[in-house]
Amino acid sequence: MKDFEDIVAYKKLIELLWVHIFLNGLDAEFKQIQGEILRKDPALILEETYVNVHRDYIHRAAFNGKSKHSKSYVIVAR
């Protein structure tokens, strides 16, 4: 890495890899939201990805009548 632009590009690549690793670890029930997240342009960072997946989980739980779910945590995007 020779200049600042290389460092920025490398950081974006690492953030994208973390998103892919996170999405790869999800159950099959999250396939639709995985596709939606991967099609976003510009790509989401890990925290935004988590928020989207968590929101999808809460929506599905509410729709299916399941009231027991994990506590919602607020994540502030960078």
PDB file of N, CA and C in Angstrom:
ATOM      1  N   MET A   1       0.848  -1.175   0.000  1.00  0.00           N
ATOM      2  CA  MET A   1       0.000   0.000   0.000  1.00  0.00           C
ATOM      3  C   MET A   1       0.887   1.230   0.000  1.00  0.00           C
ATOM      4  N   LYS A   2       0.683   2.040  -1.002  1.00  0.00           N
ATOM      5  CA  LYS A   2       1.568   3.182  -1.161  1.00  0.00           C
ATOM      6  C   LYS A   2       0.931   4.495  -0.744  1.00  0.00           C
ATOM      7  N   ASP A   3      -0.362   4.589  -0.871  1.00  0.00           N
ATOM      8  CA  ASP A   3      -0.976   5.870  -0.514  1.00  0.00           C
ATOM      9  C   ASP A   3      -2.309   5.642   0.216  1.00  0.00           C
ATOM     10  N   PHE A   4      -2.928   6.741   0.577  1.00  0.00           N
ATOM     11  CA  PHE A   4      -4.149   6.722   1.368  1.00  0.00           C
ATOM     12  C   PHE A   4      -5.278   5.994   0.649  1.00  0.00           C
ATOM     13  N   GLU A   5      -5.380   6.149  -0.662  1.00  0.00           N
ATOM     14  CA  GLU A   5      -6.449   5.510  -1.428  1.00  0.00           C
ATOM     15  C   GLU A   5      -6.357   3.987  -1.346  1.00  0.00           C
ATOM     16  N   ASP A   6      -5.144   3.460  -1.318  1.00  0.00           N
ATOM     17  CA  ASP A   6      -4.962   2.018  -1.170  1.00  0.00           C
ATOM     18  C   ASP A   6      -5.469   1.537   0.182  1.00  0.00           C
ATOM     19  N   ILE A   7      -5.204   2.318   1.204  1.00  0.00           N
ATOM     20  CA  ILE A   7      -5.645   1.957   2.554  1.00  0.00           C
ATOM     21  C   ILE A   7      -7.166   1.969   2.632  1.00  0.00           C
ATOM     22  N   VAL A   8      -7.795   2.967   2.041  1.00  0.00           N
ATOM     23  CA  VAL A   8      -9.261   3.058   2.043  1.00  0.00           C
ATOM     24  C   VAL A   8      -9.863   1.874   1.290  1.00  0.00           C
ATOM     25  N   ALA A   9      -9.313   1.536   0.145  1.00  0.00           N
ATOM     26  CA  ALA A   9      -9.806   0.407  -0.642  1.00  0.00           C
ATOM     27  C   ALA A   9      -9.645  -0.897   0.131  1.00  0.00           C
ATOM     28  N   TYR A  10      -8.525  -1.069   0.801  1.00  0.00           N
ATOM     29  CA  TYR A  10      -8.284  -2.271   1.594  1.00  0.00           C
ATOM     30  C   TYR A  10      -9.278  -2.377   2.746  1.00  0.00           C
ATOM     31  N   LYS A  11      -9.547  -1.260   3.415  1.00  0.00           N
ATOM     32  CA  LYS A  11     -10.498  -1.248   4.525  1.00  0.00           C
ATOM     33  C   LYS A  11     -11.898  -1.623   4.040  1.00  0.00           C
ATOM     34  N   LYS A  12     -12.307  -1.115   2.884  1.00  0.00           N
ATOM     35  CA  LYS A  12     -13.618  -1.457   2.334  1.00  0.00           C
ATOM     36  C   LYS A  12     -13.693  -2.941   1.996  1.00  0.00           C
ATOM     37  N   LEU A  13     -12.619  -3.489   1.464  1.00  0.00           N
ATOM     38  CA  LEU A  13     -12.576  -4.910   1.133  1.00  0.00           C
ATOM     39  C   LEU A  13     -12.729  -5.758   2.391  1.00  0.00           C
ATOM     40  N   ILE A  14     -12.030  -5.398   3.445  1.00  0.00           N
ATOM     41  CA  ILE A  14     -12.115  -6.138   4.710  1.00  0.00           C
ATOM     42  C   ILE A  14     -13.528  -6.064   5.275  1.00  0.00           C
ATOM     43  N   GLU A  15     -14.150  -4.878   5.236  1.00  0.00           N
ATOM     44  CA  GLU A  15     -15.525  -4.738   5.731  1.00  0.00           C
ATOM     45  C   GLU A  15     -16.484  -5.608   4.925  1.00  0.00           C
ATOM     46  N   LEU A  16     -16.291  -5.674   3.616  1.00  0.00           N
ATOM     47  CA  LEU A  16     -17.136  -6.501   2.771  1.00  0.00           C
ATOM     48  C   LEU A  16     -16.943  -7.988   3.099  1.00  0.00           C
ATOM     49  N   LEU A  17     -15.715  -8.381   3.365  1.00  0.00           N
ATOM     50  CA  LEU A  17     -15.454  -9.774   3.745  1.00  0.00           C
ATOM     51  C   LEU A  17     -16.151 -10.134   5.048  1.00  0.00           C
ATOM     52  N   TRP A  18     -16.146  -9.225   6.025  1.00  0.00           N
ATOM     53  CA  TRP A  18     -16.823  -9.485   7.295  1.00  0.00           C
ATOM     54  C   TRP A  18     -18.326  -9.657   7.082  1.00  0.00           C
ATOM     55  N   VAL A  19     -18.905  -8.869   6.179  1.00  0.00           N
ATOM     56  CA  VAL A  19     -20.333  -8.994   5.868  1.00  0.00           C
ATOM     57  C   VAL A  19     -20.613 -10.367   5.272  1.00  0.00           C
ATOM     58  N   HIS A  20     -19.775 -10.805   4.340  1.00  0.00           N
ATOM     59  CA  HIS A  20     -19.963 -12.115   3.716  1.00  0.00           C
ATOM     60  C   HIS A  20     -19.807 -13.243   4.736  1.00  0.00           C
ATOM     61  N   ILE A  21     -18.856 -13.124   5.625  1.00  0.00           N
ATOM     62  CA  ILE A  21     -18.669 -14.141   6.662  1.00  0.00           C
ATOM     63  C   ILE A  21     -19.897 -14.208   7.562  1.00  0.00           C
ATOM     64  N   PHE A  22     -20.419 -13.050   7.965  1.00  0.00           N
ATOM     65  CA  PHE A  22     -21.618 -13.001   8.805  1.00  0.00           C
ATOM     66  C   PHE A  22     -22.809 -13.636   8.092  1.00  0.00           C
ATOM     67  N   LEU A  23     -23.043 -13.245   6.837  1.00  0.00           N
ATOM     68  CA  LEU A  23     -24.180 -13.772   6.089  1.00  0.00           C
ATOM     69  C   LEU A  23     -24.051 -15.274   5.846  1.00  0.00           C
ATOM     70  N   ASN A  24     -22.845 -15.737   5.644  1.00  0.00           N
ATOM     71  CA  ASN A  24     -22.622 -17.159   5.411  1.00  0.00           C
ATOM     72  C   ASN A  24     -22.959 -17.993   6.647  1.00  0.00           C
ATOM     73  N   GLY A  25     -22.879 -17.404   7.815  1.00  0.00           N
ATOM     74  CA  GLY A  25     -23.159 -18.115   9.051  1.00  0.00           C
ATOM     75  C   GLY A  25     -24.628 -18.174   9.423  1.00  0.00           C
ATOM     76  N   LEU A  26     -25.489 -17.531   8.649  1.00  0.00           N
ATOM     77  CA  LEU A  26     -26.918 -17.513   8.969  1.00  0.00           C
ATOM     78  C   LEU A  26     -27.608 -18.786   8.504  1.00  0.00           C
ATOM     79  N   ASP A  27     -28.733 -19.086   9.138  1.00  0.00           N
ATOM     80  CA  ASP A  27     -29.550 -20.236   8.761  1.00  0.00           C
ATOM     81  C   ASP A  27     -30.196 -20.006   7.398  1.00  0.00           C
ATOM     82  N   ALA A  28     -30.733 -21.088   6.834  1.00  0.00           N
ATOM     83  CA  ALA A  28     -31.367 -21.034   5.518  1.00  0.00           C
ATOM     84  C   ALA A  28     -32.589 -20.128   5.498  1.00  0.00           C
ATOM     85  N   GLU A  29     -33.219 -19.915   6.638  1.00  0.00           N
ATOM     86  CA  GLU A  29     -34.414 -19.063   6.678  1.00  0.00           C
ATOM     87  C   GLU A  29     -34.110 -17.603   6.346  1.00  0.00           C
ATOM     88  N   PHE A  30     -32.847 -17.236   6.322  1.00  0.00           N
ATOM     89  CA  PHE A  30     -32.454 -15.857   6.037  1.00  0.00           C
ATOM     90  C   PHE A  30     -31.966 -15.668   4.596  1.00  0.00           C
ATOM     91  N   LYS A  31     -32.226 -16.636   3.716  1.00  0.00           N
ATOM     92  CA  LYS A  31     -31.738 -16.547   2.334  1.00  0.00           C
ATOM     93  C   LYS A  31     -32.246 -15.306   1.610  1.00  0.00           C
ATOM     94  N   GLN A  32     -33.502 -14.952   1.817  1.00  0.00           N
ATOM     95  CA  GLN A  32     -34.056 -13.790   1.119  1.00  0.00           C
ATOM     96  C   GLN A  32     -33.360 -12.504   1.553  1.00  0.00           C
ATOM     97  N   ILE A  33     -33.195 -12.297   2.841  1.00  0.00           N
ATOM     98  CA  ILE A  33     -32.549 -11.074   3.316  1.00  0.00           C
ATOM     99  C   ILE A  33     -31.073 -11.067   2.939  1.00  0.00           C
ATOM    100  N   GLN A  34     -30.447 -12.247   2.860  1.00  0.00           N
ATOM    101  CA  GLN A  34     -29.062 -12.321   2.406  1.00  0.00           C
ATOM    102  C   GLN A  34     -28.942 -11.763   0.996  1.00  0.00           C
ATOM    103  N   GLY A  35     -29.833 -12.209   0.112  1.00  0.00           N
ATOM    104  CA  GLY A  35     -29.820 -11.730  -1.271  1.00  0.00           C
ATOM    105  C   GLY A  35     -30.052 -10.239  -1.356  1.00  0.00           C
ATOM    106  N   GLU A  36     -30.991  -9.738  -0.560  1.00  0.00           N
ATOM    107  CA  GLU A  36     -31.279  -8.303  -0.571  1.00  0.00           C
ATOM    108  C   GLU A  36     -30.065  -7.500  -0.121  1.00  0.00           C
ATOM    109  N   ILE A  37     -29.395  -7.973   0.899  1.00  0.00           N
ATOM    110  CA  ILE A  37     -28.226  -7.262   1.422  1.00  0.00           C
ATOM    111  C   ILE A  37     -27.087  -7.283   0.407  1.00  0.00           C
ATOM    112  N   LEU A  38     -26.874  -8.425  -0.235  1.00  0.00           N
ATOM    113  CA  LEU A  38     -25.779  -8.536  -1.192  1.00  0.00           C
ATOM    114  C   LEU A  38     -26.017  -7.718  -2.460  1.00  0.00           C
ATOM    115  N   ARG A  39     -27.285  -7.409  -2.763  1.00  0.00           N
ATOM    116  CA  ARG A  39     -27.591  -6.597  -3.947  1.00  0.00           C
ATOM    117  C   ARG A  39     -27.504  -5.098  -3.679  1.00  0.00           C
ATOM    118  N   LYS A  40     -27.366  -4.694  -2.435  1.00  0.00           N
ATOM    119  CA  LYS A  40     -27.318  -3.266  -2.104  1.00  0.00           C
ATOM    120  C   LYS A  40     -26.078  -2.612  -2.704  1.00  0.00           C
ATOM    121  N   ASP A  41     -26.262  -1.417  -3.204  1.00  0.00           N
ATOM    122  CA  ASP A  41     -25.149  -0.658  -3.749  1.00  0.00           C
ATOM    123  C   ASP A  41     -25.293   0.771  -3.264  1.00  0.00           C
ATOM    124  N   PRO A  42     -24.417   1.288  -2.473  1.00  0.00           N
ATOM    125  CA  PRO A  42     -23.157   0.710  -2.034  1.00  0.00           C
ATOM    126  C   PRO A  42     -23.396  -0.373  -0.985  1.00  0.00           C
ATOM    127  N   ALA A  43     -22.419  -1.238  -0.849  1.00  0.00           N
ATOM    128  CA  ALA A  43     -22.509  -2.365   0.080  1.00  0.00           C
ATOM    129  C   ALA A  43     -22.638  -1.865   1.512  1.00  0.00           C
ATOM    130  N   LEU A  44     -23.351  -2.641   2.320  1.00  0.00           N
ATOM    131  CA  LEU A  44     -23.526  -2.299   3.730  1.00  0.00           C
ATOM    132  C   LEU A  44     -22.300  -2.714   4.538  1.00  0.00           C
ATOM    133  N   ILE A  45     -22.081  -1.999   5.626  1.00  0.00           N
ATOM    134  CA  ILE A  45     -21.039  -2.422   6.559  1.00  0.00           C
ATOM    135  C   ILE A  45     -21.653  -3.459   7.492  1.00  0.00           C
ATOM    136  N   LEU A  46     -20.837  -4.092   8.305  1.00  0.00           N
ATOM    137  CA  LEU A  46     -21.286  -5.199   9.147  1.00  0.00           C
ATOM    138  C   LEU A  46     -22.411  -4.787  10.091  1.00  0.00           C
ATOM    139  N   GLU A  47     -22.313  -3.648  10.707  1.00  0.00           N
ATOM    140  CA  GLU A  47     -23.331  -3.213  11.660  1.00  0.00           C
ATOM    141  C   GLU A  47     -24.674  -3.007  10.974  1.00  0.00           C
ATOM    142  N   GLU A  48     -24.665  -2.410   9.787  1.00  0.00           N
ATOM    143  CA  GLU A  48     -25.907  -2.199   9.040  1.00  0.00           C
ATOM    144  C   GLU A  48     -26.503  -3.532   8.602  1.00  0.00           C
ATOM    145  N   THR A  49     -25.642  -4.463   8.242  1.00  0.00           N
ATOM    146  CA  THR A  49     -26.100  -5.794   7.851  1.00  0.00           C
ATOM    147  C   THR A  49     -26.793  -6.473   9.019  1.00  0.00           C
ATOM    148  N   TYR A  50     -26.171  -6.410  10.199  1.00  0.00           N
ATOM    149  CA  TYR A  50     -26.768  -7.015  11.389  1.00  0.00           C
ATOM    150  C   TYR A  50     -28.130  -6.401  11.677  1.00  0.00           C
ATOM    151  N   VAL A  51     -28.240  -5.099  11.583  1.00  0.00           N
ATOM    152  CA  VAL A  51     -29.508  -4.419  11.854  1.00  0.00           C
ATOM    153  C   VAL A  51     -30.582  -4.906  10.886  1.00  0.00           C
ATOM    154  N   ASN A  52     -30.247  -5.045   9.613  1.00  0.00           N
ATOM    155  CA  ASN A  52     -31.217  -5.514   8.622  1.00  0.00           C
ATOM    156  C   ASN A  52     -31.659  -6.945   8.903  1.00  0.00           C
ATOM    157  N   VAL A  53     -30.731  -7.818   9.249  1.00  0.00           N
ATOM    158  CA  VAL A  53     -31.068  -9.207   9.546  1.00  0.00           C
ATOM    159  C   VAL A  53     -31.911  -9.275  10.815  1.00  0.00           C
ATOM    160  N   HIS A  54     -31.537  -8.522  11.821  1.00  0.00           N
ATOM    161  CA  HIS A  54     -32.291  -8.517  13.086  1.00  0.00           C
ATOM    162  C   HIS A  54     -33.705  -7.996  12.859  1.00  0.00           C
ATOM    163  N   ARG A  55     -33.849  -6.944  12.072  1.00  0.00           N
ATOM    164  CA  ARG A  55     -35.165  -6.379  11.770  1.00  0.00           C
ATOM    165  C   ARG A  55     -36.022  -7.424  11.042  1.00  0.00           C
ATOM    166  N   ASP A  56     -35.421  -8.152  10.104  1.00  0.00           N
ATOM    167  CA  ASP A  56     -36.141  -9.198   9.383  1.00  0.00           C
ATOM    168  C   ASP A  56     -36.597 -10.288  10.346  1.00  0.00           C
ATOM    169  N   TYR A  57     -35.734 -10.662  11.269  1.00  0.00           N
ATOM    170  CA  TYR A  57     -36.076 -11.678  12.266  1.00  0.00           C
ATOM    171  C   TYR A  57     -37.257 -11.221  13.126  1.00  0.00           C
ATOM    172  N   ILE A  58     -37.230  -9.990  13.572  1.00  0.00           N
ATOM    173  CA  ILE A  58     -38.300  -9.446  14.418  1.00  0.00           C
ATOM    174  C   ILE A  58     -39.613  -9.403  13.635  1.00  0.00           C
ATOM    175  N   HIS A  59     -39.554  -8.971  12.367  1.00  0.00           N
ATOM    176  CA  HIS A  59     -40.761  -8.927  11.539  1.00  0.00           C
ATOM    177  C   HIS A  59     -41.362 -10.315  11.383  1.00  0.00           C
ATOM    178  N   ARG A  60     -40.506 -11.293  11.082  1.00  0.00           N
ATOM    179  CA  ARG A  60     -40.993 -12.654  10.903  1.00  0.00           C
ATOM    180  C   ARG A  60     -41.559 -13.220  12.199  1.00  0.00           C
ATOM    181  N   ALA A  61     -40.920 -12.945  13.315  1.00  0.00           N
ATOM    182  CA  ALA A  61     -41.403 -13.424  14.608  1.00  0.00           C
ATOM    183  C   ALA A  61     -42.758 -12.817  14.934  1.00  0.00           C
ATOM    184  N   ALA A  62     -42.925 -11.530  14.657  1.00  0.00           N
ATOM    185  CA  ALA A  62     -44.200 -10.867  14.925  1.00  0.00           C
ATOM    186  C   ALA A  62     -45.288 -11.404  13.993  1.00  0.00           C
ATOM    187  N   PHE A  63     -44.937 -11.627  12.734  1.00  0.00           N
ATOM    188  CA  PHE A  63     -45.898 -12.124  11.755  1.00  0.00           C
ATOM    189  C   PHE A  63     -46.354 -13.541  12.098  1.00  0.00           C
ATOM    190  N   ASN A  64     -45.445 -14.341  12.615  1.00  0.00           N
ATOM    191  CA  ASN A  64     -45.767 -15.723  12.963  1.00  0.00           C
ATOM    192  C   ASN A  64     -46.363 -15.861  14.355  1.00  0.00           C
ATOM    193  N   GLY A  65     -46.523 -14.757  15.061  1.00  0.00           N
ATOM    194  CA  GLY A  65     -47.136 -14.781  16.374  1.00  0.00           C
ATOM    195  C   GLY A  65     -46.209 -15.186  17.493  1.00  0.00           C
ATOM    196  N   LYS A  66     -44.924 -15.193  17.237  1.00  0.00           N
ATOM    197  CA  LYS A  66     -43.952 -15.532  18.274  1.00  0.00           C
ATOM    198  C   LYS A  66     -43.587 -14.259  19.019  1.00  0.00           C
ATOM    199  N   SER A  67     -43.914 -14.217  20.290  1.00  0.00           N
ATOM    200  CA  SER A  67     -43.598 -13.015  21.060  1.00  0.00           C
ATOM    201  C   SER A  67     -42.260 -13.127  21.768  1.00  0.00           C
ATOM    202  N   LYS A  68     -41.722 -14.348  21.866  1.00  0.00           N
ATOM    203  CA  LYS A  68     -40.450 -14.535  22.546  1.00  0.00           C
ATOM    204  C   LYS A  68     -39.319 -14.381  21.545  1.00  0.00           C
ATOM    205  N   HIS A  69     -38.551 -13.345  21.717  1.00  0.00           N
ATOM    206  CA  HIS A  69     -37.375 -13.142  20.895  1.00  0.00           C
ATOM    207  C   HIS A  69     -36.332 -12.398  21.712  1.00  0.00           C
ATOM    208  N   SER A  70     -35.136 -12.390  21.235  1.00  0.00           N
ATOM    209  CA  SER A  70     -34.047 -11.758  21.977  1.00  0.00           C
ATOM    210  C   SER A  70     -34.283 -10.255  22.079  1.00  0.00           C
ATOM    211  N   LYS A  71     -33.656  -9.662  23.060  1.00  0.00           N
ATOM    212  CA  LYS A  71     -33.762  -8.228  23.243  1.00  0.00           C
ATOM    213  C   LYS A  71     -33.235  -7.507  22.023  1.00  0.00           C
ATOM    214  N   SER A  72     -33.853  -6.412  21.682  1.00  0.00           N
ATOM    215  CA  SER A  72     -33.375  -5.585  20.568  1.00  0.00           C
ATOM    216  C   SER A  72     -32.306  -4.639  21.080  1.00  0.00           C
ATOM    217  N   TYR A  73     -31.223  -4.604  20.384  1.00  0.00           N
ATOM    218  CA  TYR A  73     -30.145  -3.706  20.737  1.00  0.00           C
ATOM    219  C   TYR A  73     -29.994  -2.673  19.644  1.00  0.00           C
ATOM    220  N   VAL A  74     -29.723  -1.459  20.042  1.00  0.00           N
ATOM    221  CA  VAL A  74     -29.528  -0.390  19.081  1.00  0.00           C
ATOM    222  C   VAL A  74     -28.063  -0.363  18.698  1.00  0.00           C
ATOM    223  N   ILE A  75     -27.826  -0.418  17.397  1.00  0.00           N
ATOM    224  CA  ILE A  75     -26.454  -0.335  16.896  1.00  0.00           C
ATOM    225  C   ILE A  75     -26.359   0.932  16.076  1.00  0.00           C
ATOM    226  N   VAL A  76     -25.443   1.757  16.419  1.00  0.00           N
ATOM    227  CA  VAL A  76     -25.236   3.005  15.707  1.00  0.00           C
ATOM    228  C   VAL A  76     -24.269   2.751  14.572  1.00  0.00           C
ATOM    229  N   ALA A  77     -24.699   3.037  13.370  1.00  0.00           N
ATOM    230  CA  ALA A  77     -23.840   2.857  12.197  1.00  0.00           C
ATOM    231  C   ALA A  77     -22.773   3.944  12.179  1.00  0.00           C
ATOM    232  N   ARG A  78     -21.606   3.551  11.682  1.00  0.00           N
ATOM    233  CA  ARG A  78     -20.502   4.516  11.625  1.00  0.00           C
ATOM    234  C   ARG A  78     -20.737   5.555  10.583  1.00  0.00           C
TER     235      ARG A  78
END
